[in-house]
């Protein structure tokens, strides 16, 4: 997912949270990353922040422990790498809510 600052000033991304994990029994692992540049292999990249979830993850988790400034006309990227649980059936799904909180700087 691309995050694009179309404004004329910088914005600070203060918080990115992951919540409402659904279908957790189908989840073997999932890692959600925030990058300044798009990658083809997020696990080997240098993310700004990341969070790993498993089938036992609950509540709200933060993707980044510190604020990140997104300059005017700049992009950032959310990338996801996942694996299914060994007992997941074909067509099984996993869902979550991702919220980004930002402000003008």
C-alpha atoms as a PDB file:
ATOM      1  CA  UNK A   1       0.000   0.000   0.000  1.00  0.00           C
ATOM      2  CA  UNK A   2       1.378   3.386  -0.959  1.00  0.00           C
ATOM      3  CA  UNK A   3       1.070   6.351   1.401  1.00  0.00           C
ATOM      4  CA  UNK A   4       1.510   9.567  -0.585  1.00  0.00           C
ATOM      5  CA  UNK A   5       1.812  13.051   0.861  1.00  0.00           C
ATOM      6  CA  UNK A   6       0.001  15.185  -1.716  1.00  0.00           C
ATOM      7  CA  UNK A   7       0.118  18.248   0.526  1.00  0.00           C
ATOM      8  CA  UNK A   8       2.418  21.238   0.402  1.00  0.00           C
ATOM      9  CA  UNK A   9       3.984  20.581   3.805  1.00  0.00           C
ATOM     10  CA  UNK A  10       5.531  17.681   5.678  1.00  0.00           C
ATOM     11  CA  UNK A  11       3.366  15.402   7.791  1.00  0.00           C
ATOM     12  CA  UNK A  12       4.404  13.406  10.809  1.00  0.00           C
ATOM     13  CA  UNK A  13       3.093   9.845  11.016  1.00  0.00           C
ATOM     14  CA  UNK A  14       2.732   9.544  14.787  1.00  0.00           C
ATOM     15  CA  UNK A  15       1.241   6.118  15.063  1.00  0.00           C
ATOM     16  CA  UNK A  16       0.322   3.110  12.944  1.00  0.00           C
ATOM     17  CA  UNK A  17      -1.783   0.511  14.715  1.00  0.00           C
ATOM     18  CA  UNK A  18      -2.999  -2.939  13.767  1.00  0.00           C
ATOM     19  CA  UNK A  19      -6.221  -4.167  15.395  1.00  0.00           C
ATOM     20  CA  UNK A  20      -9.304  -6.337  14.833  1.00  0.00           C
ATOM     21  CA  UNK A  21      -7.395  -9.440  13.762  1.00  0.00           C
ATOM     22  CA  UNK A  22      -9.967 -11.779  12.205  1.00  0.00           C
ATOM     23  CA  UNK A  23      -9.457 -15.361  11.088  1.00  0.00           C
ATOM     24  CA  UNK A  24      -6.490 -15.787  13.449  1.00  0.00           C
ATOM     25  CA  UNK A  25      -6.797 -19.589  13.355  1.00  0.00           C
ATOM     26  CA  UNK A  26      -5.800 -19.409   9.663  1.00  0.00           C
ATOM     27  CA  UNK A  27      -2.714 -17.336  10.426  1.00  0.00           C
ATOM     28  CA  UNK A  28       0.699 -18.938  10.714  1.00  0.00           C
ATOM     29  CA  UNK A  29       2.563 -15.630  10.701  1.00  0.00           C
ATOM     30  CA  UNK A  30       2.273 -12.147   9.287  1.00  0.00           C
ATOM     31  CA  UNK A  31       4.700  -9.251   9.395  1.00  0.00           C
ATOM     32  CA  UNK A  32       3.585  -5.751   8.445  1.00  0.00           C
ATOM     33  CA  UNK A  33       6.316  -3.264   7.520  1.00  0.00           C
ATOM     34  CA  UNK A  34       6.611   0.487   6.944  1.00  0.00           C
ATOM     35  CA  UNK A  35       9.239   1.471   4.357  1.00  0.00           C
ATOM     36  CA  UNK A  36      10.415   4.766   2.870  1.00  0.00           C
ATOM     37  CA  UNK A  37      10.949   2.981  -0.467  1.00  0.00           C
ATOM     38  CA  UNK A  38       9.076   0.094  -2.043  1.00  0.00           C
ATOM     39  CA  UNK A  39      10.862  -3.257  -1.834  1.00  0.00           C
ATOM     40  CA  UNK A  40      10.528  -6.615  -3.566  1.00  0.00           C
ATOM     41  CA  UNK A  41      11.619  -8.493  -0.456  1.00  0.00           C
ATOM     42  CA  UNK A  42      10.451  -6.830   2.770  1.00  0.00           C
ATOM     43  CA  UNK A  43      12.083  -9.393   5.067  1.00  0.00           C
ATOM     44  CA  UNK A  44      15.539  -8.409   3.835  1.00  0.00           C
ATOM     45  CA  UNK A  45      14.896  -4.655   3.700  1.00  0.00           C
ATOM     46  CA  UNK A  46      15.538  -1.918   6.241  1.00  0.00           C
ATOM     47  CA  UNK A  47      12.063  -0.909   7.496  1.00  0.00           C
ATOM     48  CA  UNK A  48      11.187   2.212   9.426  1.00  0.00           C
ATOM     49  CA  UNK A  49       9.059  -0.035  11.622  1.00  0.00           C
ATOM     50  CA  UNK A  50       7.459  -3.454  11.629  1.00  0.00           C
ATOM     51  CA  UNK A  51       5.266  -5.734  13.685  1.00  0.00           C
ATOM     52  CA  UNK A  52       4.837  -9.512  13.562  1.00  0.00           C
ATOM     53  CA  UNK A  53       1.551 -11.206  14.417  1.00  0.00           C
ATOM     54  CA  UNK A  54       0.626 -14.829  14.964  1.00  0.00           C
ATOM     55  CA  UNK A  55      -2.628 -16.677  15.497  1.00  0.00           C
ATOM     56  CA  UNK A  56      -2.437 -15.853  19.216  1.00  0.00           C
ATOM     57  CA  UNK A  57      -2.031 -12.070  18.740  1.00  0.00           C
ATOM     58  CA  UNK A  58      -4.751 -10.019  20.409  1.00  0.00           C
ATOM     59  CA  UNK A  59      -5.605  -6.371  21.000  1.00  0.00           C
ATOM     60  CA  UNK A  60      -3.974  -3.382  19.348  1.00  0.00           C
ATOM     61  CA  UNK A  61      -0.294  -3.434  18.376  1.00  0.00           C
ATOM     62  CA  UNK A  62       1.902  -0.578  17.134  1.00  0.00           C
ATOM     63  CA  UNK A  63       3.823  -0.908  13.904  1.00  0.00           C
ATOM     64  CA  UNK A  64       6.286   1.883  14.685  1.00  0.00           C
ATOM     65  CA  UNK A  65       7.718   2.921  18.041  1.00  0.00           C
ATOM     66  CA  UNK A  66       8.627   6.441  16.902  1.00  0.00           C
ATOM     67  CA  UNK A  67       7.224   9.188  14.696  1.00  0.00           C
ATOM     68  CA  UNK A  68       8.185   9.350  11.029  1.00  0.00           C
ATOM     69  CA  UNK A  69       8.207  12.534   8.947  1.00  0.00           C
ATOM     70  CA  UNK A  70       6.792  12.231   5.451  1.00  0.00           C
ATOM     71  CA  UNK A  71       8.079  15.191   3.410  1.00  0.00           C
ATOM     72  CA  UNK A  72       5.894  17.016   0.905  1.00  0.00           C
ATOM     73  CA  UNK A  73       5.315  14.940  -2.246  1.00  0.00           C
ATOM     74  CA  UNK A  74       7.059  11.943  -0.619  1.00  0.00           C
ATOM     75  CA  UNK A  75       5.823   8.360  -0.430  1.00  0.00           C
ATOM     76  CA  UNK A  76       5.973   5.638   2.186  1.00  0.00           C
ATOM     77  CA  UNK A  77       4.893   2.029   1.776  1.00  0.00           C
ATOM     78  CA  UNK A  78       3.105  -0.565   3.884  1.00  0.00           C
ATOM     79  CA  UNK A  79       4.225  -4.065   2.890  1.00  0.00           C
ATOM     80  CA  UNK A  80       2.917  -7.381   4.193  1.00  0.00           C
ATOM     81  CA  UNK A  81       4.579 -10.793   4.282  1.00  0.00           C
ATOM     82  CA  UNK A  82       2.536 -13.744   5.547  1.00  0.00           C
ATOM     83  CA  UNK A  83       2.209 -17.492   5.813  1.00  0.00           C
ATOM     84  CA  UNK A  84      -0.838 -19.645   6.447  1.00  0.00           C
ATOM     85  CA  UNK A  85      -1.327 -21.877   9.464  1.00  0.00           C
ATOM     86  CA  UNK A  86      -0.653 -25.550   8.771  1.00  0.00           C
ATOM     87  CA  UNK A  87      -4.345 -26.331   9.370  1.00  0.00           C
ATOM     88  CA  UNK A  88      -5.731 -23.498   7.176  1.00  0.00           C
ATOM     89  CA  UNK A  89      -8.023 -24.641   4.384  1.00  0.00           C
ATOM     90  CA  UNK A  90      -7.998 -23.378   0.808  1.00  0.00           C
ATOM     91  CA  UNK A  91      -9.994 -20.144   0.662  1.00  0.00           C
ATOM     92  CA  UNK A  92      -9.417 -19.305   4.333  1.00  0.00           C
ATOM     93  CA  UNK A  93      -8.923 -15.616   5.069  1.00  0.00           C
ATOM     94  CA  UNK A  94      -7.274 -13.362   7.619  1.00  0.00           C
ATOM     95  CA  UNK A  95      -8.172  -9.707   8.097  1.00  0.00           C
ATOM     96  CA  UNK A  96      -7.065  -6.763  10.206  1.00  0.00           C
ATOM     97  CA  UNK A  97      -7.605  -3.019  10.559  1.00  0.00           C
ATOM     98  CA  UNK A  98      -4.665  -0.704   9.927  1.00  0.00           C
ATOM     99  CA  UNK A  99      -4.937   2.895  11.191  1.00  0.00           C
ATOM    100  CA  UNK A 100      -2.485   5.679  10.439  1.00  0.00           C
ATOM    101  CA  UNK A 101      -2.438   8.798  12.636  1.00  0.00           C
ATOM    102  CA  UNK A 102      -0.611  11.811  11.236  1.00  0.00           C
ATOM    103  CA  UNK A 103      -0.425  15.582  11.610  1.00  0.00           C
ATOM    104  CA  UNK A 104       1.025  18.581   9.786  1.00  0.00           C
ATOM    105  CA  UNK A 105       4.560  19.527  10.826  1.00  0.00           C
END
